[in-house]
Amino acid sequence: MKFAVIVFPGSNCDMDMLWAVKDIMGADAAYVRHDAESLEGFDGVLLPGGFSYGDYLRCGAIARFSTIMQEVIRFAEEGKPVFGTCNGFQVLTEAGLLPGALRRNESLHFICKTTPLKVVNNQTKFTSEYEEDEIIQIPVAHGEGNYYCDEETLKSLEENQQIVFKYEEAINGSLNNIAGICNKQGNVLGMMPHPERAMESLLGSEDGKKFFASILKNFGKVSV
């Protein structure tokens, strides 16, 4: 399975993502620029964290109009895996691939720490290697990770089991402590925490490995 790691002007977690998938998980991966016109030869898309286009307007609002995003949307519509972490999650909501929006943290401060997450849905193709309600340790690093949606959307997310991760403690003001969601089809997932930064015990946690192992097992062409 070959992953495209999308690089926008201002991305700063693209190297982390490539390292996690290629060096730790042993899958093939390559950078793809924001102005590329094709994802030919790739099987999955990874949108990394950072500050795309300087986070002007709203986070992810300008990146959403990058040339490559038409291909990312096509991938999503074809049922191929699309994952966005942090700024990548923001881009996915701005592109309409995931519902809701990410607002400024309730504290108005940047938050950077390892935080406990609960895997509230381990039936997705992104989380099948976790146990139900497993508590995992994943770093966060964001200033605008406060997830919000209206009551109707929240009801839909709950009814369709699209809420995948929740913070175990109040951290940024996110509605119902939501940390990550997927689309109804289950092939697009966005989360504010960074699983690609939890790949080795030396870094404090290996809990991100099961996330990428789930993707490779359920979408991939290689054994894990």
Foldseek 3Di string as FASTA:
>chain_A
DEEEEEDAVFFDCSVLVCCLCCVQVPHHYDYDYLQDQDPPPHQEYEYEDGQHVNCPPHQLQVSLPGNCVVVVVVCVVVLGAYEYEASGLQNCCNNVQDDWHWAFFPVQDWDWDWFWKFFCDQPFLQRVLDDHRDIFIFIATDGTGATDDDPVVVVVCVVLVFQGMATPDDDGNHDVRGFKGHDSSRRYIYGHTDLSQACDVVSPHNVSSSRVQSNCVRRHDDHD
